[in-house]
Amino acid sequence: MDFSLNDEQKMMIDTVRRFIAEELKPLEAGLEENGHLHRTVAQSIHEKSKALGLFALNIPVQFGGGGLSVLDRVLCEEQFGHTSDYLIRRAFGNVYEPLLECKGEQVERWLKPTAHGKRTCSIAITESGAGSDAQGINTHANRTESGWVLNGSKHFISDGEWSDFFLVSAKTADKDISMFMVDKGLPGFAIGKDQKMMGLRGTPHLELFFDNVPLEPLTLLGAEGQGFKLAMGALNVVRLAQVGARAVGKASHVLELMVDYANERKQFGQRIGDFQMIQQVLADSVIEINAARWMVYHAAWMLDQGLDARTQIAMVKVHAAEMLGRVVDRAVQVFGGMGFCKELPIERYYRDARIYRIFDGTSEIHRTVIAKSVMKKGAALFDVNR
C-alpha cells in the first residue's frame, strides 16, 4: 500500500498547476464580469493546452487523447478545480467516455475530431420532467426506413453554445433508452434559451428542441437500448472526476486563501488566525479536504483495478460536494465583509460551490443509493476485509 506520488505524477501536477496559474487565472475576473470569453482567446488557451498534452486526458492515445489512468486523471481534475468551469472546458476539453463506443466510420466522424479538439460535444440527458429520474425522459426516437426520427426536448445542457453535436438519450421502445450523436444544424433541431445560473458564469446551459429530426443509422451510439447504461457510466466518471476531484481542488484553493488571510488580517492587535474560533474553522477544513481527497483517490484506484466503484463514487459525490459547501461558507465568514464583496473572488466561489450538491445526482439521491447498497452488502461497505 503506497500512498506516494511518483515523479511523473508530480511533474504532471506541476505542469497543470503552472498552466492554470499563468494562462487561466488572469482570465477569471474578466470572464466573471462579462460572462463570456472571446473565441480567439478560447482558441489560444486550447492550442497551448494541446501543445502540453493536456487536452482530452481521459481518451486513449490511439484516438488522440492523453490516455491517463483514472487515478492520474483525478490528480489533474483536482488541479482543474482551482479555476473556472468554463475555462476548464475551453482549455482541457470535455470528451465524454460514451464516445469510446464509436465504431468504424463513427470514429473518424465524431470520436477522433472531438479528442483532437476539432469538434465539441455535450451530453444531453436532463429534461424538465426528468432530472434525478434519468429514466423518466420523454424524448423518443422512432425507427424509419432511412434511420430514425427524433422528437422531444432537453434542458440545462452545459456548454451547448460551443458544442456542434450532442449525445442525446432517447427512448427507442417502451422502456429501452438509446443514445444518439446528433449534429447541431440538422432540420428540426432548435436551440432554446440559455438558463442563467447563480454561478458558473460563462458556461451556457441551453434548452434543446427536436421536432422530427432525421437521424442516420450511423448516429446510434452503441447498441439499441444501451443508452441508459452509457449515460450512467459517463455520469459515474463525471461524479468522481469533475465533481469529487474538482471539489477537493476548489476547496484546497479556497482554504489556502483563508490561511493567508488569517495570517495577514489583524484585529485587537493580533492575527485573526491566533483566535481559537478561526483556528477551528481552518482545522475542520484541513481535515475534511484530506478525507475527501483520499475517498476520491480510492474510488479512482478501484476503477483502475476493474472493480465496481459505484457506491464509493456515490459516497465521494455526497462528501466532496458538501465539504466544498462548508469550506467556502467558512471562507466567507473568515473574510467577513470582504468575503461578501465582489472585489474578492470568495463570493464567486461560494456561488459556484452550491451546484455541486445538485448536478450529476443530488446528495439525497446518492444517499439513497448508498443506503440501498449497505442494506444489500452489509459490513463489506464500511469494514476491512469483509
Protein backbone atom coordinates (compact mmCIF):
# COMPACT_ATOMS: atom_id res chain seq x y z
CA MET A 1 0.00 0.00 0.00
CA ASP A 2 1.90 3.02 -1.33
CA PHE A 3 0.36 6.48 -0.98
CA SER A 4 3.24 8.40 -2.55
CA LEU A 5 3.14 10.14 -5.92
CA ASN A 6 5.74 9.06 -8.46
CA ASP A 7 7.94 11.57 -10.29
CA GLU A 8 5.76 11.55 -13.42
CA GLN A 9 2.65 12.32 -11.39
CA LYS A 10 4.39 15.16 -9.56
CA MET A 11 5.57 16.64 -12.86
CA MET A 12 2.08 16.29 -14.35
CA ILE A 13 0.51 18.11 -11.38
CA ASP A 14 3.12 20.87 -11.54
CA THR A 15 2.53 21.31 -15.29
CA VAL A 16 -1.24 21.63 -14.88
CA ARG A 17 -0.88 23.91 -11.86
CA ARG A 18 1.53 26.20 -13.71
CA PHE A 19 -0.68 26.32 -16.82
CA ILE A 20 -3.70 27.33 -14.74
CA ALA A 21 -1.74 29.99 -12.86
CA GLU A 22 -0.17 31.50 -15.98
CA GLU A 23 -2.85 31.07 -18.64
CA LEU A 24 -6.25 30.76 -16.96
CA LYS A 25 -6.15 32.69 -13.68
CA PRO A 26 -5.63 36.04 -15.48
CA LEU A 27 -8.86 35.41 -17.43
CA GLU A 28 -11.14 34.66 -14.47
CA ALA A 29 -12.06 38.20 -13.42
CA GLY A 30 -12.95 39.27 -16.97
CA LEU A 31 -14.99 36.12 -17.50
CA GLU A 32 -16.89 36.73 -14.28
CA GLU A 33 -17.63 40.32 -15.24
CA ASN A 34 -18.51 39.80 -18.91
CA GLY A 35 -19.92 36.27 -18.83
CA HIS A 36 -18.07 35.20 -21.95
CA LEU A 37 -14.66 34.64 -23.47
CA HIS A 38 -13.69 35.85 -26.93
CA ARG A 39 -13.27 32.92 -29.30
CA THR A 40 -9.74 33.93 -30.23
CA VAL A 41 -8.74 33.78 -26.55
CA ALA A 42 -10.52 30.45 -26.15
CA GLN A 43 -8.70 29.07 -29.17
CA SER A 44 -5.38 30.32 -27.82
CA ILE A 45 -5.65 28.54 -24.46
CA HIS A 46 -6.93 25.45 -26.25
CA GLU A 47 -3.88 25.34 -28.52
CA LYS A 48 -1.47 25.94 -25.62
CA SER A 49 -3.08 23.15 -23.61
CA LYS A 50 -2.88 20.75 -26.56
CA ALA A 51 0.79 21.58 -27.06
CA LEU A 52 1.44 20.45 -23.48
CA GLY A 53 -0.56 17.24 -23.95
CA LEU A 54 -3.28 18.36 -21.54
CA PHE A 55 -6.31 18.01 -23.84
CA ALA A 56 -8.76 15.06 -23.65
CA LEU A 57 -6.71 13.37 -20.94
CA ASN A 58 -9.31 10.62 -20.40
CA ILE A 59 -9.31 9.38 -24.00
CA PRO A 60 -6.89 6.63 -25.17
CA VAL A 61 -3.81 7.73 -27.07
CA GLN A 62 -4.81 5.87 -30.26
CA PHE A 63 -7.78 8.21 -30.65
CA GLY A 64 -5.79 11.37 -29.93
CA GLY A 65 -6.24 11.71 -26.15
CA GLY A 66 -3.89 11.67 -23.19
CA GLY A 67 -4.54 8.04 -22.24
CA LEU A 68 -4.35 8.65 -18.49
CA SER A 69 -5.39 6.13 -15.86
CA VAL A 70 -8.40 7.13 -13.76
CA LEU A 71 -6.13 7.97 -10.81
CA ASP A 72 -3.87 10.18 -12.93
CA ARG A 73 -6.91 11.86 -14.41
CA VAL A 74 -8.35 12.76 -11.00
CA LEU A 75 -4.96 14.17 -9.99
CA CYS A 76 -5.31 16.57 -12.94
CA GLU A 77 -9.01 17.20 -12.29
CA GLU A 78 -8.16 18.20 -8.73
CA GLN A 79 -5.94 20.93 -10.15
CA PHE A 80 -8.70 21.90 -12.61
CA GLY A 81 -10.78 22.73 -9.54
CA HIS A 82 -8.51 25.73 -8.94
CA THR A 83 -10.08 27.61 -11.87
CA SER A 84 -13.47 28.25 -13.52
CA ASP A 85 -15.63 25.58 -15.16
CA TYR A 86 -15.81 27.50 -18.43
CA LEU A 87 -12.04 27.86 -18.69
CA ILE A 88 -11.56 24.16 -17.94
CA ARG A 89 -13.83 23.28 -20.85
CA ARG A 90 -12.07 25.61 -23.28
CA ALA A 91 -8.53 24.63 -22.28
CA PHE A 92 -8.73 20.93 -21.46
CA GLY A 93 -11.84 19.74 -23.30
CA ASN A 94 -14.77 17.69 -22.09
CA VAL A 95 -14.78 14.44 -24.09
CA TYR A 96 -17.38 12.02 -22.76
CA GLU A 97 -16.49 8.33 -22.40
CA PRO A 98 -19.57 7.01 -24.29
CA LEU A 99 -17.83 8.19 -27.48
CA LEU A 100 -15.46 5.26 -26.99
CA GLU A 101 -18.37 3.11 -28.21
CA CYS A 102 -17.85 4.58 -31.69
CA LYS A 103 -17.12 2.02 -34.39
CA GLY A 104 -15.81 2.29 -37.95
CA GLU A 105 -16.90 5.50 -39.64
CA GLN A 106 -18.19 6.87 -36.31
CA VAL A 107 -14.60 7.02 -35.00
CA GLU A 108 -13.48 9.30 -37.81
CA ARG A 109 -16.63 11.41 -37.81
CA TRP A 110 -17.18 12.00 -34.10
CA LEU A 111 -14.62 10.42 -31.73
CA LYS A 112 -11.26 11.43 -33.19
CA PRO A 113 -12.24 15.01 -34.13
CA THR A 114 -13.55 15.53 -30.59
CA ALA A 115 -10.43 14.06 -28.97
CA HIS A 116 -8.31 16.34 -31.19
CA GLY A 117 -10.40 19.37 -30.27
CA LYS A 118 -11.75 19.91 -33.77
CA ARG A 119 -15.31 19.15 -32.64
CA THR A 120 -17.04 19.86 -29.31
CA CYS A 121 -19.63 17.63 -27.68
CA SER A 122 -22.20 17.98 -24.90
CA ILE A 123 -24.22 15.24 -23.25
CA ALA A 124 -27.99 15.79 -23.29
CA ILE A 125 -29.85 13.66 -20.75
CA THR A 126 -31.74 16.08 -18.48
CA GLU A 127 -35.29 17.15 -19.27
CA SER A 128 -37.71 19.45 -17.46
CA GLY A 129 -39.57 16.40 -16.17
CA ALA A 130 -36.55 14.11 -15.79
CA GLY A 131 -33.72 15.35 -13.61
CA SER A 132 -32.68 12.83 -10.99
CA ASP A 133 -35.01 10.34 -12.69
CA ALA A 134 -32.92 9.91 -15.84
CA GLN A 135 -35.14 7.02 -16.98
CA GLY A 136 -38.20 9.24 -16.91
CA ILE A 137 -37.33 11.02 -20.16
CA ASN A 138 -39.96 11.74 -22.82
CA THR A 139 -37.60 12.37 -25.75
CA HIS A 140 -38.02 9.48 -28.17
CA ALA A 141 -36.62 8.21 -31.47
CA ASN A 142 -38.71 6.15 -33.87
CA ARG A 143 -37.11 3.91 -36.46
CA THR A 144 -37.73 4.72 -40.14
CA GLU A 145 -36.62 3.24 -43.46
CA SER A 146 -33.73 5.70 -43.57
CA GLY A 147 -32.74 5.65 -39.89
CA TRP A 148 -34.53 7.39 -37.02
CA VAL A 149 -36.72 10.40 -36.32
CA LEU A 150 -36.06 12.22 -33.04
CA ASN A 151 -38.66 14.20 -31.07
CA GLY A 152 -38.59 15.81 -27.64
CA SER A 153 -36.60 18.35 -25.66
CA LYS A 154 -33.71 18.70 -23.19
CA HIS A 155 -32.68 21.44 -20.80
CA PHE A 156 -29.75 22.55 -18.62
CA ILE A 157 -27.39 21.26 -21.34
CA SER A 158 -23.97 22.54 -20.32
CA ASP A 159 -21.72 24.03 -23.00
CA GLY A 160 -24.45 23.72 -25.61
CA GLU A 161 -23.49 27.02 -27.23
CA TRP A 162 -19.98 25.77 -28.05
CA SER A 163 -20.93 22.22 -28.98
CA ASP A 164 -21.50 21.19 -32.57
CA PHE A 165 -23.01 17.81 -31.66
CA PHE A 166 -24.76 16.23 -28.69
CA LEU A 167 -25.01 12.80 -27.08
CA VAL A 168 -28.79 12.60 -26.73
CA SER A 169 -30.62 9.98 -24.68
CA ALA A 170 -33.96 8.97 -26.18
CA LYS A 171 -36.50 6.21 -25.75
CA THR A 172 -36.49 3.76 -28.65
CA ALA A 173 -39.04 1.42 -27.10
CA ASP A 174 -41.39 1.42 -24.13
CA LYS A 175 -38.60 1.07 -21.57
CA ASP A 176 -35.46 1.00 -23.70
CA ILE A 177 -33.27 4.09 -23.88
CA SER A 178 -30.69 4.56 -26.62
CA MET A 179 -28.05 7.23 -27.23
CA PHE A 180 -27.61 9.18 -30.45
CA MET A 181 -24.94 11.54 -31.77
CA VAL A 182 -26.98 14.49 -33.01
CA ASP A 183 -25.25 17.20 -35.05
CA LYS A 184 -26.25 20.80 -34.46
CA GLY A 185 -27.95 22.29 -37.51
CA LEU A 186 -29.99 19.27 -38.53
CA PRO A 187 -33.53 20.04 -39.81
CA GLY A 188 -35.95 20.32 -36.88
CA PHE A 189 -33.17 20.78 -34.29
CA ALA A 190 -33.60 24.13 -32.50
CA ILE A 191 -31.59 25.76 -29.71
CA GLY A 192 -33.65 27.40 -26.96
CA LYS A 193 -32.78 29.89 -24.26
CA ASP A 194 -29.71 29.87 -22.09
CA GLN A 195 -30.75 29.22 -18.49
CA LYS A 196 -28.92 31.86 -16.46
CA MET A 197 -27.39 30.48 -13.26
CA MET A 198 -26.33 31.95 -9.92
CA GLY A 199 -22.82 30.55 -10.51
CA LEU A 200 -20.62 29.00 -13.22
CA ARG A 201 -20.51 32.28 -15.11
CA GLY A 202 -19.73 31.83 -18.78
CA THR A 203 -20.83 28.20 -19.06
CA PRO A 204 -24.06 28.16 -21.11
CA HIS A 205 -26.92 25.85 -20.07
CA LEU A 206 -29.22 25.57 -23.06
CA GLU A 207 -32.60 24.17 -23.96
CA LEU A 208 -32.68 21.83 -26.98
CA PHE A 209 -35.76 21.07 -29.06
CA PHE A 210 -36.16 18.17 -31.52
CA ASP A 211 -39.06 18.30 -33.97
CA ASN A 212 -38.95 15.32 -36.33
CA VAL A 213 -35.17 15.50 -36.57
CA PRO A 214 -33.95 12.94 -39.15
CA LEU A 215 -31.04 10.79 -37.96
CA GLU A 216 -28.88 8.44 -39.99
CA PRO A 217 -28.50 4.84 -38.76
CA LEU A 218 -24.85 5.74 -38.09
CA THR A 219 -25.86 8.18 -35.34
CA LEU A 220 -26.86 5.40 -32.94
CA LEU A 221 -24.07 5.12 -30.36
CA GLY A 222 -23.53 1.59 -29.11
CA ALA A 223 -26.34 -0.93 -29.27
CA GLU A 224 -30.01 -0.03 -29.31
CA GLY A 225 -31.31 0.03 -25.73
CA GLN A 226 -27.82 0.60 -24.28
CA GLY A 227 -28.23 4.34 -23.86
CA PHE A 228 -29.11 4.40 -20.16
CA LYS A 229 -26.12 2.25 -19.32
CA LEU A 230 -23.85 4.53 -21.36
CA ALA A 231 -25.31 7.63 -19.70
CA MET A 232 -24.89 6.25 -16.19
CA GLY A 233 -21.35 5.11 -16.98
CA ALA A 234 -20.48 8.59 -18.17
CA LEU A 235 -22.05 10.25 -15.14
CA ASN A 236 -20.23 7.86 -12.82
CA VAL A 237 -16.85 9.13 -14.05
CA VAL A 238 -18.10 12.73 -14.10
CA ARG A 239 -19.16 12.44 -10.46
CA LEU A 240 -15.74 11.21 -9.46
CA ALA A 241 -13.54 13.45 -11.60
CA GLN A 242 -15.48 16.60 -12.41
CA VAL A 243 -17.39 16.81 -9.12
CA GLY A 244 -15.36 14.93 -6.49
CA ALA A 245 -11.82 15.76 -7.55
CA ARG A 246 -12.62 19.32 -8.62
CA ALA A 247 -14.42 19.93 -5.32
CA VAL A 248 -11.25 18.90 -3.49
CA GLY A 249 -9.17 21.22 -5.68
CA LYS A 250 -11.55 24.16 -5.32
CA ALA A 251 -11.75 23.71 -1.53
CA SER A 252 -7.95 23.50 -1.34
CA HIS A 253 -7.64 26.74 -3.27
CA VAL A 254 -10.16 28.50 -1.02
CA LEU A 255 -8.51 27.18 2.14
CA GLU A 256 -5.13 28.49 1.02
CA LEU A 257 -6.67 31.95 0.62
CA MET A 258 -8.21 31.60 4.09
CA VAL A 259 -4.89 30.66 5.66
CA ASP A 260 -3.11 33.59 4.01
CA TYR A 261 -5.81 35.98 5.15
CA ALA A 262 -5.81 34.58 8.70
CA ASN A 263 -2.05 35.23 8.83
CA GLU A 264 -2.30 38.77 7.46
CA ARG A 265 -5.51 40.20 8.90
CA LYS A 266 -5.17 41.72 12.37
CA GLN A 267 -7.86 42.60 14.87
CA PHE A 268 -7.47 43.54 18.53
CA GLY A 269 -3.74 43.71 18.00
CA GLN A 270 -3.20 40.15 16.74
CA ARG A 271 -3.64 37.94 13.70
CA ILE A 272 -7.16 36.58 13.41
CA GLY A 273 -5.53 33.17 12.89
CA ASP A 274 -4.49 33.31 16.56
CA PHE A 275 -8.14 33.24 17.66
CA GLN A 276 -9.35 29.77 18.51
CA MET A 277 -12.65 30.15 16.64
CA ILE A 278 -10.75 30.86 13.41
CA GLN A 279 -8.32 28.04 14.18
CA GLN A 280 -11.23 25.60 14.43
CA VAL A 281 -12.51 26.73 11.03
CA LEU A 282 -9.10 26.15 9.48
CA ALA A 283 -8.56 22.80 11.21
CA ASP A 284 -12.00 21.46 10.23
CA SER A 285 -11.37 22.46 6.62
CA VAL A 286 -7.97 20.72 6.53
CA ILE A 287 -9.49 17.53 7.97
CA GLU A 288 -12.45 17.45 5.58
CA ILE A 289 -10.43 18.23 2.46
CA ASN A 290 -7.96 15.45 3.17
CA ALA A 291 -10.74 12.97 3.92
CA ALA A 292 -12.46 13.82 0.63
CA ARG A 293 -9.20 13.59 -1.31
CA TRP A 294 -8.47 10.06 -0.14
CA MET A 295 -12.03 8.99 -0.90
CA VAL A 296 -11.54 10.28 -4.46
CA TYR A 297 -8.19 8.52 -4.86
CA HIS A 298 -9.53 5.23 -3.50
CA ALA A 299 -12.53 5.22 -5.87
CA ALA A 300 -10.21 6.04 -8.79
CA TRP A 301 -7.90 3.19 -7.79
CA MET A 302 -10.89 0.83 -7.73
CA LEU A 303 -11.86 1.79 -11.28
CA ASP A 304 -8.28 1.27 -12.45
CA GLN A 305 -8.41 -2.23 -10.93
CA GLY A 306 -11.62 -3.00 -12.83
CA LEU A 307 -13.69 -3.04 -9.63
CA ASP A 308 -17.27 -1.84 -9.20
CA ALA A 309 -16.92 1.57 -7.52
CA ARG A 310 -20.46 2.88 -7.98
CA THR A 311 -21.24 3.07 -4.28
CA GLN A 312 -17.83 4.52 -3.44
CA ILE A 313 -18.38 7.20 -6.10
CA ALA A 314 -21.79 7.99 -4.61
CA MET A 315 -20.04 8.50 -1.26
CA VAL A 316 -17.46 10.75 -2.93
CA LYS A 317 -20.20 12.79 -4.60
CA VAL A 318 -22.00 13.44 -1.31
CA HIS A 319 -18.98 14.06 0.89
CA ALA A 320 -16.88 16.14 -1.52
CA ALA A 321 -19.80 18.32 -2.65
CA GLU A 322 -20.95 19.04 0.89
CA MET A 323 -17.37 19.51 2.11
CA LEU A 324 -16.84 22.18 -0.55
CA GLY A 325 -20.00 23.96 0.53
CA ARG A 326 -18.83 24.06 4.13
CA VAL A 327 -15.34 25.26 3.25
CA VAL A 328 -16.48 28.15 1.06
CA ASP A 329 -19.09 29.15 3.63
CA ARG A 330 -16.34 29.29 6.27
CA ALA A 331 -14.25 31.37 3.88
CA VAL A 332 -16.97 34.00 3.58
CA GLN A 333 -17.10 34.13 7.38
CA VAL A 334 -13.31 34.38 7.80
CA PHE A 335 -13.07 37.17 5.23
CA GLY A 336 -16.05 38.92 6.80
CA GLY A 337 -17.47 41.80 4.79
CA MET A 338 -14.80 41.40 2.13
CA GLY A 339 -15.89 37.79 1.66
CA PHE A 340 -19.32 39.08 0.68
CA CYS A 341 -17.85 41.72 -1.63
CA LYS A 342 -17.35 41.26 -5.38
CA GLU A 343 -13.93 42.85 -5.07
CA LEU A 344 -12.62 39.43 -3.99
CA PRO A 345 -13.38 36.04 -5.61
CA ILE A 346 -14.65 34.46 -2.36
CA GLU A 347 -18.30 35.25 -3.10
CA ARG A 348 -17.87 33.71 -6.58
CA TYR A 349 -16.51 30.51 -5.10
CA TYR A 350 -19.48 30.47 -2.72
CA ARG A 351 -21.96 30.76 -5.61
CA ASP A 352 -20.13 28.26 -7.80
CA ALA A 353 -19.98 25.66 -5.00
CA ARG A 354 -23.73 25.47 -4.42
CA ILE A 355 -24.45 23.49 -7.60
CA TYR A 356 -22.13 20.65 -6.57
CA ARG A 357 -24.82 19.23 -4.29
CA ILE A 358 -27.30 19.24 -7.17
CA PHE A 359 -25.81 18.38 -10.54
CA ASP A 360 -24.94 14.82 -11.59
CA GLY A 361 -27.25 13.43 -8.93
CA THR A 362 -28.40 15.27 -5.82
CA SER A 363 -26.99 14.45 -2.39
CA GLU A 364 -30.39 12.99 -1.49
CA ILE A 365 -30.37 10.59 -4.45
CA HIS A 366 -26.82 9.44 -3.70
CA ARG A 367 -27.62 8.87 -0.04
CA THR A 368 -30.44 6.62 -1.20
CA VAL A 369 -28.00 4.71 -3.42
CA ILE A 370 -25.58 4.29 -0.51
CA ALA A 371 -28.30 3.17 1.88
CA LYS A 372 -29.65 0.55 -0.54
CA SER A 373 -26.12 -0.70 -1.15
CA VAL A 374 -25.30 -1.09 2.54
CA MET A 375 -28.58 -2.92 3.14
CA LYS A 376 -27.52 -5.37 0.45
CA LYS A 377 -23.76 -5.65 1.10
CA GLY A 378 -23.66 -5.05 4.83
CA ALA A 379 -20.33 -4.57 6.61
CA ALA A 380 -18.36 -5.08 3.37
CA LEU A 381 -19.16 -1.48 2.56
CA PHE A 382 -17.60 0.02 5.67
CA ASP A 383 -15.38 -2.61 7.34
CA VAL A 384 -12.00 -4.02 6.29
CA ASN A 385 -11.61 -7.39 4.56
CA ARG A 386 -15.26 -8.40 4.82
